[in-house]
C-alpha atoms as a PDB file:
ATOM      1  CA  MET A   1      -9.950  26.490 -21.624  1.00  0.00           C
ATOM      2  CA  PRO A   2      -6.953  28.622 -20.553  1.00  0.00           C
ATOM      3  CA  GLU A   3      -3.519  27.313 -21.458  1.00  0.00           C
ATOM      4  CA  GLY A   4      -2.141  25.000 -18.784  1.00  0.00           C
ATOM      5  CA  ARG A   5      -5.605  23.991 -17.505  1.00  0.00           C
ATOM      6  CA  ARG A   6      -6.860  20.405 -17.699  1.00  0.00           C
ATOM      7  CA  LYS A   7     -10.144  18.729 -16.911  1.00  0.00           C
ATOM      8  CA  SER A   8     -10.447  17.464 -13.344  1.00  0.00           C
ATOM      9  CA  SER A   9     -10.810  13.839 -14.491  1.00  0.00           C
ATOM     10  CA  SER A  10      -7.302  13.901 -15.937  1.00  0.00           C
ATOM     11  CA  LEU A  11      -5.483  16.043 -13.394  1.00  0.00           C
ATOM     12  CA  ALA A  12      -1.993  14.890 -12.497  1.00  0.00           C
ATOM     13  CA  ALA A  13      -1.427  14.015  -8.841  1.00  0.00           C
ATOM     14  CA  PHE A  14       1.685  14.850  -6.827  1.00  0.00           C
ATOM     15  CA  PHE A  15       2.769  14.260  -3.252  1.00  0.00           C
ATOM     16  CA  LEU A  16       3.086  17.213  -0.905  1.00  0.00           C
ATOM     17  CA  GLU A  17       5.756  17.999   1.635  1.00  0.00           C
ATOM     18  CA  PRO A  18       4.349  16.849   4.993  1.00  0.00           C
ATOM     19  CA  ASP A  19       4.850  20.263   6.611  1.00  0.00           C
ATOM     20  CA  SER A  20       3.148  22.251   3.828  1.00  0.00           C
ATOM     21  CA  LEU A  21      -0.528  21.341   4.106  1.00  0.00           C
ATOM     22  CA  GLY A  22      -1.607  24.822   5.125  1.00  0.00           C
ATOM     23  CA  ALA A  23      -1.935  28.005   3.102  1.00  0.00           C
ATOM     24  CA  GLU A  24       1.307  27.488   1.124  1.00  0.00           C
ATOM     25  CA  PRO A  25       1.386  23.885  -0.157  1.00  0.00           C
ATOM     26  CA  ARG A  26       4.658  22.572  -1.619  1.00  0.00           C
ATOM     27  CA  LEU A  27       5.301  19.493  -3.685  1.00  0.00           C
ATOM     28  CA  LEU A  28       7.981  16.997  -2.780  1.00  0.00           C
ATOM     29  CA  ALA A  29      11.174  18.008  -4.563  1.00  0.00           C
ATOM     30  CA  GLU A  30      11.150  15.069  -6.978  1.00  0.00           C
ATOM     31  CA  ASP A  31       7.469  15.624  -7.816  1.00  0.00           C
ATOM     32  CA  ALA A  32       8.071  19.333  -8.361  1.00  0.00           C
ATOM     33  CA  GLN A  33      10.860  18.529 -10.809  1.00  0.00           C
ATOM     34  CA  HIS A  34       8.608  16.089 -12.651  1.00  0.00           C
ATOM     35  CA  ALA A  35       5.865  18.708 -12.885  1.00  0.00           C
ATOM     36  CA  LEU A  36       8.308  21.300 -14.200  1.00  0.00           C
ATOM     37  CA  ARG A  37      10.621  19.342 -16.469  1.00  0.00           C
ATOM     38  CA  VAL A  38       8.457  16.475 -17.730  1.00  0.00           C
ATOM     39  CA  LEU A  39       4.862  17.714 -17.651  1.00  0.00           C
ATOM     40  CA  ARG A  40       5.905  21.359 -18.059  1.00  0.00           C
ATOM     41  CA  LEU A  41       3.063  22.681 -15.958  1.00  0.00           C
ATOM     42  CA  GLY A  42       2.776  26.441 -16.016  1.00  0.00           C
ATOM     43  CA  PRO A  43       0.748  29.185 -14.334  1.00  0.00           C
ATOM     44  CA  GLY A  44      -2.943  28.359 -14.337  1.00  0.00           C
ATOM     45  CA  ALA A  45      -2.448  24.588 -14.456  1.00  0.00           C
ATOM     46  CA  ASP A  46      -4.626  22.596 -12.081  1.00  0.00           C
ATOM     47  CA  LEU A  47      -3.334  19.566 -10.207  1.00  0.00           C
ATOM     48  CA  ILE A  48      -4.052  17.373  -7.199  1.00  0.00           C
ATOM     49  CA  GLY A  49      -1.863  17.285  -4.095  1.00  0.00           C
ATOM     50  CA  LEU A  50      -1.703  14.119  -2.013  1.00  0.00           C
ATOM     51  CA  ASP A  51      -0.623  13.796   1.601  1.00  0.00           C
ATOM     52  CA  GLY A  52      -0.406   9.986   1.649  1.00  0.00           C
ATOM     53  CA  ARG A  53      -2.960   9.874   4.487  1.00  0.00           C
ATOM     54  CA  GLY A  54      -6.139   9.934   2.453  1.00  0.00           C
ATOM     55  CA  GLY A  55      -6.183  13.640   1.629  1.00  0.00           C
ATOM     56  CA  ARG A  56      -6.634  15.089  -1.857  1.00  0.00           C
ATOM     57  CA  TYR A  57      -5.986  18.811  -2.268  1.00  0.00           C
ATOM     58  CA  PRO A  58      -7.131  20.657  -5.429  1.00  0.00           C
ATOM     59  CA  LEU A  59      -4.383  23.105  -6.346  1.00  0.00           C
ATOM     60  CA  ARG A  60      -3.403  25.526  -9.081  1.00  0.00           C
ATOM     61  CA  VAL A  61      -0.011  26.761 -10.187  1.00  0.00           C
ATOM     62  CA  ARG A  62       0.147  30.446  -9.326  1.00  0.00           C
ATOM     63  CA  ALA A  63       3.707  31.061 -10.495  1.00  0.00           C
ATOM     64  CA  LEU A  64       6.943  29.310 -11.397  1.00  0.00           C
ATOM     65  CA  ARG A  65       9.975  29.403  -9.159  1.00  0.00           C
ATOM     66  CA  LYS A  66      13.566  28.398  -9.837  1.00  0.00           C
ATOM     67  CA  ASN A  67      13.254  25.037  -8.120  1.00  0.00           C
ATOM     68  CA  GLY A  68       9.538  24.522  -7.828  1.00  0.00           C
ATOM     69  CA  LEU A  69       5.999  25.764  -8.208  1.00  0.00           C
ATOM     70  CA  GLU A  70       4.084  28.339  -6.250  1.00  0.00           C
ATOM     71  CA  LEU A  71       0.706  26.768  -5.570  1.00  0.00           C
ATOM     72  CA  GLU A  72      -2.665  27.936  -4.303  1.00  0.00           C
ATOM     73  CA  PRO A  73      -5.717  25.933  -3.172  1.00  0.00           C
ATOM     74  CA  THR A  74      -8.725  26.003  -5.483  1.00  0.00           C
ATOM     75  CA  GLY A  75     -11.274  24.316  -3.232  1.00  0.00           C
ATOM     76  CA  PRO A  76     -11.801  22.198  -0.133  1.00  0.00           C
ATOM     77  CA  ALA A  77      -9.710  19.102   0.371  1.00  0.00           C
ATOM     78  CA  THR A  78     -11.354  15.687   0.437  1.00  0.00           C
ATOM     79  CA  HIS A  79     -10.439  12.693   2.541  1.00  0.00           C
ATOM     80  CA  GLU A  80     -10.680   8.954   1.946  1.00  0.00           C
ATOM     81  CA  PRO A  81     -11.085   6.696   5.011  1.00  0.00           C
ATOM     82  CA  ALA A  82      -8.088   4.582   5.964  1.00  0.00           C
ATOM     83  CA  PRO A  83      -8.221   0.865   5.188  1.00  0.00           C
ATOM     84  CA  GLY A  84     -10.508  -0.831   7.692  1.00  0.00           C
ATOM     85  CA  GLU A  85     -12.373   2.335   8.694  1.00  0.00           C
ATOM     86  CA  GLU A  86     -16.049   3.009   8.077  1.00  0.00           C
ATOM     87  CA  ASP A  87     -16.769   3.419   4.329  1.00  0.00           C
ATOM     88  CA  SER A  88     -13.238   2.414   3.321  1.00  0.00           C
ATOM     89  CA  SER A  89     -12.846   0.461   0.098  1.00  0.00           C
ATOM     90  CA  LEU A  90     -10.788  -2.332   1.711  1.00  0.00           C
ATOM     91  CA  PRO A  91     -10.118  -3.839   5.130  1.00  0.00           C
ATOM     92  CA  TRP A  92      -6.643  -3.580   6.619  1.00  0.00           C
ATOM     93  CA  PHE A  93      -4.611  -6.262   4.844  1.00  0.00           C
ATOM     94  CA  GLU A  94      -0.997  -6.609   5.906  1.00  0.00           C
ATOM     95  CA  MET A  95       1.458  -8.522   3.724  1.00  0.00           C
ATOM     96  CA  ALA A  96       4.200 -10.311   5.667  1.00  0.00           C
ATOM     97  CA  VAL A  97       6.358 -11.471   2.807  1.00  0.00           C
ATOM     98  CA  ALA A  98       9.798 -13.016   2.523  1.00  0.00           C
ATOM     99  CA  TRP A  99      11.869 -10.578   0.487  1.00  0.00           C
ATOM    100  CA  PRO A 100      12.485 -11.818  -3.072  1.00  0.00           C
ATOM    101  CA  ARG A 101      15.650 -11.056  -4.966  1.00  0.00           C
ATOM    102  CA  ARG A 102      16.463  -7.381  -5.212  1.00  0.00           C
ATOM    103  CA  ASN A 103      15.594  -7.058  -8.887  1.00  0.00           C
ATOM    104  CA  ARG A 104      12.041  -8.284  -8.160  1.00  0.00           C
ATOM    105  CA  VAL A 105      11.266  -6.332  -4.993  1.00  0.00           C
ATOM    106  CA  GLU A 106      10.258  -3.028  -6.574  1.00  0.00           C
ATOM    107  CA  ASP A 107       7.793  -4.569  -9.032  1.00  0.00           C
ATOM    108  CA  MET A 108       6.227  -6.604  -6.223  1.00  0.00           C
ATOM    109  CA  LEU A 109       5.833  -3.587  -3.968  1.00  0.00           C
ATOM    110  CA  GLY A 110       4.370  -1.466  -6.732  1.00  0.00           C
ATOM    111  CA  ARG A 111       1.707  -4.058  -7.474  1.00  0.00           C
ATOM    112  CA  LEU A 112       0.873  -4.653  -3.805  1.00  0.00           C
ATOM    113  CA  VAL A 113       0.333  -0.913  -3.392  1.00  0.00           C
ATOM    114  CA  GLN A 114      -1.928  -0.776  -6.455  1.00  0.00           C
ATOM    115  CA  LEU A 115      -3.939  -3.728  -5.147  1.00  0.00           C
ATOM    116  CA  GLY A 116      -4.508  -2.022  -1.790  1.00  0.00           C
ATOM    117  CA  ALA A 117      -2.161  -3.580   0.769  1.00  0.00           C
ATOM    118  CA  ALA A 118      -2.415  -1.388   3.871  1.00  0.00           C
ATOM    119  CA  ALA A 119       0.931  -2.509   5.294  1.00  0.00           C
ATOM    120  CA  ILE A 120       3.938  -4.412   3.978  1.00  0.00           C
ATOM    121  CA  ARG A 121       6.393  -6.197   6.231  1.00  0.00           C
ATOM    122  CA  PRO A 122       9.548  -8.158   5.350  1.00  0.00           C
ATOM    123  CA  LEU A 123       9.427 -11.677   6.770  1.00  0.00           C
ATOM    124  CA  VAL A 124      12.826 -12.908   7.971  1.00  0.00           C
ATOM    125  CA  ALA A 125      12.668 -16.648   7.382  1.00  0.00           C
ATOM    126  CA  LEU A 126      15.491 -19.136   7.821  1.00  0.00           C
ATOM    127  CA  GLN A 127      15.401 -20.310   4.201  1.00  0.00           C
ATOM    128  CA  ARG A 128      15.102 -16.852   2.699  1.00  0.00           C
ATOM    129  CA  GLY A 129      18.135 -17.064   0.408  1.00  0.00           C
ATOM    130  CA  PRO A 130      21.081 -14.707  -0.031  1.00  0.00           C
ATOM    131  CA  GLU A 131      19.254 -11.366  -0.087  1.00  0.00           C
ATOM    132  CA  GLY A 132      19.369  -9.187   2.987  1.00  0.00           C
ATOM    133  CA  VAL A 133      16.221  -7.712   4.513  1.00  0.00           C
ATOM    134  CA  PRO A 134      16.144  -3.955   5.192  1.00  0.00           C
ATOM    135  CA  GLU A 135      15.387  -2.819   8.729  1.00  0.00           C
ATOM    136  CA  GLU A 136      13.497   0.156   7.302  1.00  0.00           C
ATOM    137  CA  ALA A 137      12.153   0.852   3.849  1.00  0.00           C
ATOM    138  CA  PRO A 138      14.861   2.595   1.792  1.00  0.00           C
ATOM    139  CA  ALA A 139      14.053   5.792  -0.058  1.00  0.00           C
ATOM    140  CA  ARG A 140      13.780   4.029  -3.410  1.00  0.00           C
ATOM    141  CA  LEU A 141      10.969   1.792  -2.138  1.00  0.00           C
ATOM    142  CA  LEU A 142       9.092   4.800  -0.788  1.00  0.00           C
ATOM    143  CA  ARG A 143       9.364   6.342  -4.257  1.00  0.00           C
ATOM    144  CA  VAL A 144       7.974   3.147  -5.785  1.00  0.00           C
ATOM    145  CA  ALA A 145       5.036   3.284  -3.359  1.00  0.00           C
ATOM    146  CA  ARG A 146       4.283   6.928  -4.167  1.00  0.00           C
ATOM    147  CA  GLU A 147       4.389   6.282  -7.915  1.00  0.00           C
ATOM    148  CA  ALA A 148       2.066   3.289  -7.521  1.00  0.00           C
ATOM    149  CA  CYS A 149      -0.387   5.432  -5.541  1.00  0.00           C
ATOM    150  CA  LYS A 150      -0.404   8.112  -8.216  1.00  0.00           C
ATOM    151  CA  GLN A 151      -0.798   5.582 -11.017  1.00  0.00           C
ATOM    152  CA  SER A 152      -3.677   3.752  -9.324  1.00  0.00           C
ATOM    153  CA  GLY A 153      -5.499   6.717  -7.778  1.00  0.00           C
ATOM    154  CA  ARG A 154      -4.820   5.485  -4.258  1.00  0.00           C
ATOM    155  CA  THR A 155      -4.631   8.175  -1.576  1.00  0.00           C
ATOM    156  CA  TRP A 156      -3.183   6.157   1.334  1.00  0.00           C
ATOM    157  CA  LEU A 157       0.471   5.188   1.291  1.00  0.00           C
ATOM    158  CA  PRO A 158       1.024   1.755   2.800  1.00  0.00           C
ATOM    159  CA  GLU A 159       2.825   1.441   6.097  1.00  0.00           C
ATOM    160  CA  PHE A 160       6.208  -0.258   5.925  1.00  0.00           C
ATOM    161  CA  GLU A 161       6.367  -2.336   9.087  1.00  0.00           C
ATOM    162  CA  PRO A 162       9.626  -3.537  10.693  1.00  0.00           C
ATOM    163  CA  ALA A 163      10.960  -6.909   9.635  1.00  0.00           C
ATOM    164  CA  ARG A 164       9.921  -9.857  11.813  1.00  0.00           C
ATOM    165  CA  THR A 165      10.580 -13.585  12.038  1.00  0.00           C
ATOM    166  CA  PRO A 166       7.569 -15.910  11.844  1.00  0.00           C
ATOM    167  CA  ALA A 167       7.856 -16.585  15.591  1.00  0.00           C
ATOM    168  CA  THR A 168       7.819 -12.903  16.585  1.00  0.00           C
ATOM    169  CA  LEU A 169       5.093 -12.123  14.052  1.00  0.00           C
ATOM    170  CA  ALA A 170       2.892 -14.805  15.587  1.00  0.00           C
ATOM    171  CA  GLY A 171       2.863 -13.186  19.010  1.00  0.00           C
ATOM    172  CA  GLU A 172       2.985  -9.516  18.088  1.00  0.00           C
ATOM    173  CA  ARG A 173      -0.631  -8.364  17.695  1.00  0.00           C
ATOM    174  CA  ALA A 174      -4.228  -9.521  17.766  1.00  0.00           C
ATOM    175  CA  ALA A 175      -4.129 -10.448  14.104  1.00  0.00           C
ATOM    176  CA  THR A 176      -6.065 -12.837  11.894  1.00  0.00           C
ATOM    177  CA  ILE A 177      -3.346 -14.680   9.991  1.00  0.00           C
ATOM    178  CA  ALA A 178      -3.281 -16.880   6.908  1.00  0.00           C
ATOM    179  CA  VAL A 179      -0.110 -18.741   5.976  1.00  0.00           C
ATOM    180  CA  LEU A 180       0.119 -19.624   2.302  1.00  0.00           C
ATOM    181  CA  ASP A 181       1.172 -23.260   2.253  1.00  0.00           C
ATOM    182  CA  PRO A 182       0.944 -25.650  -0.724  1.00  0.00           C
ATOM    183  CA  ARG A 183       0.438 -28.529   1.744  1.00  0.00           C
ATOM    184  CA  ALA A 184      -2.700 -26.997   3.279  1.00  0.00           C
ATOM    185  CA  GLY A 185      -6.149 -28.453   2.770  1.00  0.00           C
ATOM    186  CA  LEU A 186      -8.069 -25.176   3.144  1.00  0.00           C
ATOM    187  CA  SER A 187      -8.298 -22.988   0.058  1.00  0.00           C
ATOM    188  CA  PHE A 188      -7.279 -19.367   0.462  1.00  0.00           C
ATOM    189  CA  ASP A 189     -10.522 -18.014  -0.975  1.00  0.00           C
ATOM    190  CA  THR A 190     -12.607 -20.212   1.367  1.00  0.00           C
ATOM    191  CA  TRP A 191     -10.668 -18.814   4.319  1.00  0.00           C
ATOM    192  CA  LEU A 192     -11.184 -15.258   3.094  1.00  0.00           C
ATOM    193  CA  ARG A 193     -14.920 -15.805   2.653  1.00  0.00           C
ATOM    194  CA  SER A 194     -15.141 -16.966   6.277  1.00  0.00           C
ATOM    195  CA  LEU A 195     -13.969 -13.554   7.522  1.00  0.00           C
ATOM    196  CA  ARG A 196     -16.354 -10.757   8.447  1.00  0.00           C
ATOM    197  CA  PRO A 197     -14.270  -7.585   8.404  1.00  0.00           C
ATOM    198  CA  SER A 198     -15.751  -4.528  10.084  1.00  0.00           C
ATOM    199  CA  PRO A 199     -14.502  -1.259  11.620  1.00  0.00           C
ATOM    200  CA  LEU A 200     -15.074  -2.793  15.070  1.00  0.00           C
ATOM    201  CA  GLY A 201     -13.708  -6.250  14.254  1.00  0.00           C
ATOM    202  CA  VAL A 202     -11.075  -7.879  12.102  1.00  0.00           C
ATOM    203  CA  GLY A 203      -9.519  -6.022   9.216  1.00  0.00           C
ATOM    204  CA  THR A 204      -8.516  -2.870  11.091  1.00  0.00           C
ATOM    205  CA  HIS A 205      -5.147  -1.425  12.030  1.00  0.00           C
ATOM    206  CA  LEU A 206      -5.503  -2.838  15.546  1.00  0.00           C
ATOM    207  CA  ARG A 207      -6.763  -6.219  14.323  1.00  0.00           C
ATOM    208  CA  PRO A 208      -5.168  -6.663  10.902  1.00  0.00           C
ATOM    209  CA  ILE A 209      -5.666  -9.475   8.442  1.00  0.00           C
ATOM    210  CA  VAL A 210      -2.112 -10.696   7.847  1.00  0.00           C
ATOM    211  CA  LEU A 211      -1.187 -12.742   4.795  1.00  0.00           C
ATOM    212  CA  VAL A 212       2.088 -14.610   5.320  1.00  0.00           C
ATOM    213  CA  ILE A 213       4.124 -15.552   2.259  1.00  0.00           C
ATOM    214  CA  GLY A 214       7.247 -17.529   3.046  1.00  0.00           C
ATOM    215  CA  PRO A 215      10.433 -17.798   0.977  1.00  0.00           C
ATOM    216  CA  GLU A 216      10.722 -19.951  -2.129  1.00  0.00           C
ATOM    217  CA  GLY A 217      12.560 -22.489   0.023  1.00  0.00           C
ATOM    218  CA  GLY A 218       9.483 -22.632   2.249  1.00  0.00           C
ATOM    219  CA  LEU A 219       9.008 -22.038   5.943  1.00  0.00           C
ATOM    220  CA  THR A 220      10.657 -24.565   8.222  1.00  0.00           C
ATOM    221  CA  ASP A 221       8.411 -26.874  10.220  1.00  0.00           C
ATOM    222  CA  GLU A 222       9.271 -24.889  13.344  1.00  0.00           C
ATOM    223  CA  GLU A 223       8.354 -21.562  11.733  1.00  0.00           C
ATOM    224  CA  ARG A 224       5.118 -22.963  10.383  1.00  0.00           C
ATOM    225  CA  GLU A 225       4.158 -24.513  13.711  1.00  0.00           C
ATOM    226  CA  ALA A 226       4.873 -21.265  15.565  1.00  0.00           C
ATOM    227  CA  LEU A 227       2.369 -19.472  13.370  1.00  0.00           C
ATOM    228  CA  LEU A 228      -0.253 -22.207  13.539  1.00  0.00           C
ATOM    229  CA  ALA A 229       0.087 -22.413  17.321  1.00  0.00           C
ATOM    230  CA  SER A 230      -0.814 -18.709  17.502  1.00  0.00           C
ATOM    231  CA  GLY A 231      -4.091 -19.364  15.693  1.00  0.00           C
ATOM    232  CA  ALA A 232      -2.986 -18.821  12.093  1.00  0.00           C
ATOM    233  CA  SER A 233      -4.658 -20.826   9.324  1.00  0.00           C
ATOM    234  CA  ALA A 234      -2.697 -22.705   6.682  1.00  0.00           C
ATOM    235  CA  THR A 235      -4.258 -22.007   3.273  1.00  0.00           C
ATOM    236  CA  TRP A 236      -3.724 -23.281  -0.236  1.00  0.00           C
ATOM    237  CA  LEU A 237      -3.439 -20.771  -3.088  1.00  0.00           C
ATOM    238  CA  GLY A 238      -3.055 -22.994  -6.123  1.00  0.00           C
ATOM    239  CA  PRO A 239      -1.671 -26.242  -7.518  1.00  0.00           C
ATOM    240  CA  HIS A 240       1.826 -24.988  -8.303  1.00  0.00           C
ATOM    241  CA  LEU A 241       4.789 -23.636  -6.373  1.00  0.00           C
ATOM    242  CA  LEU A 242       4.906 -19.889  -6.908  1.00  0.00           C
ATOM    243  CA  ARG A 243       7.600 -17.291  -6.707  1.00  0.00           C
ATOM    244  CA  VAL A 244       7.347 -15.095  -3.637  1.00  0.00           C
ATOM    245  CA  GLU A 245       6.153 -12.042  -5.520  1.00  0.00           C
ATOM    246  CA  THR A 246       3.654 -14.063  -7.591  1.00  0.00           C
ATOM    247  CA  ALA A 247       2.111 -15.550  -4.450  1.00  0.00           C
ATOM    248  CA  ALA A 248       1.973 -12.178  -2.694  1.00  0.00           C
ATOM    249  CA  GLU A 249       0.362 -10.405  -5.624  1.00  0.00           C
ATOM    250  CA  ALA A 250      -2.123 -13.219  -6.286  1.00  0.00           C
ATOM    251  CA  ALA A 251      -3.154 -13.348  -2.618  1.00  0.00           C
ATOM    252  CA  MET A 252      -3.677  -9.594  -2.408  1.00  0.00           C
ATOM    253  CA  ALA A 253      -5.633  -9.582  -5.685  1.00  0.00           C
ATOM    254  CA  ILE A 254      -7.992 -12.297  -4.425  1.00  0.00           C
ATOM    255  CA  ALA A 255      -8.419 -10.454  -1.120  1.00  0.00           C
ATOM    256  CA  ALA A 256      -9.212  -7.207  -2.941  1.00  0.00           C
ATOM    257  CA  VAL A 257     -11.854  -8.895  -5.107  1.00  0.00           C
ATOM    258  CA  LEU A 258     -13.565 -10.704  -2.224  1.00  0.00           C
ATOM    259  CA  HIS A 259     -13.498  -7.886   0.326  1.00  0.00           C
ATOM    260  CA  GLY A 260     -13.114  -4.712  -1.712  1.00  0.00           C
ATOM    261  CA  ARG A 261     -15.816  -2.146  -2.401  1.00  0.00           C
ATOM    262  CA  PRO A 262     -15.978   0.642  -4.973  1.00  0.00           C
ATOM    263  CA  ALA A 263     -14.495   3.869  -3.665  1.00  0.00           C
ATOM    264  CA  ARG A 264     -17.176   6.313  -2.547  1.00  0.00           C
ATOM    265  CA  ALA A 265     -17.344  10.061  -3.051  1.00  0.00           C
ATOM    266  CA  LEU A 266     -14.790  11.698  -0.818  1.00  0.00           C
ATOM    267  CA  PRO A 267     -16.071  14.032   1.934  1.00  0.00           C
ATOM    268  CA  ALA A 268     -14.565  17.447   2.289  1.00  0.00           C
ATOM    269  CA  VAL A 269     -11.857  17.896   4.915  1.00  0.00           C
ATOM    270  CA  ARG A 270     -12.795  20.543   7.486  1.00  0.00           C
END
């Protein structure tokens, strides 16, 4: 095997610049630096480029440049269906979660990405505590999401939806909503088993399955009632009060087990 080459099963994956998916692919600057300085990839090394939208691009390092790599395609790209589409491995699950303390946010997001959350939305609840909620995902959280995708083999970056209050979330879209509530009588897994996701039904981008995780102080009665009045179901996750990130990760893990499917072979992109 030539120096710098690796077997396809162990190829490193890197994200591509969005405007470089044609004949001259380029890695994101931070990924290029990692490839150069940490992995020390050289001419002849094979790698995988990701576009964050389901595409995987087999590439090879043709030459080294001062601040990056000169790459060339080595075969056709493949594409994984988006969550909720035909043959996708998971329906479209959206996490509407009250933001935990800053030092716990990144770990939570990384795990939700690995578990397959299609969208993540900060929930602005009245009893959310002292931490502010970002209007848009800061660059550091996007980096966390990309690293989680690379680590887990996921090809779709999650969407970071705008922050919403429970009341505005309730009336925003035709969604199927579960509110995690320790007072509920319906178990979360029973509720999940009652769903029948399909590309033409629930569990798609247009008709998402939304899992609502309130703050550790709990949703107020008014917030809870606003969601239930919109058709949301109150569900019980377990016998103990959980931290926000624990509840979010546990809910997404259960959803992935009950409604996930093994990833299929990826078709070539034409």
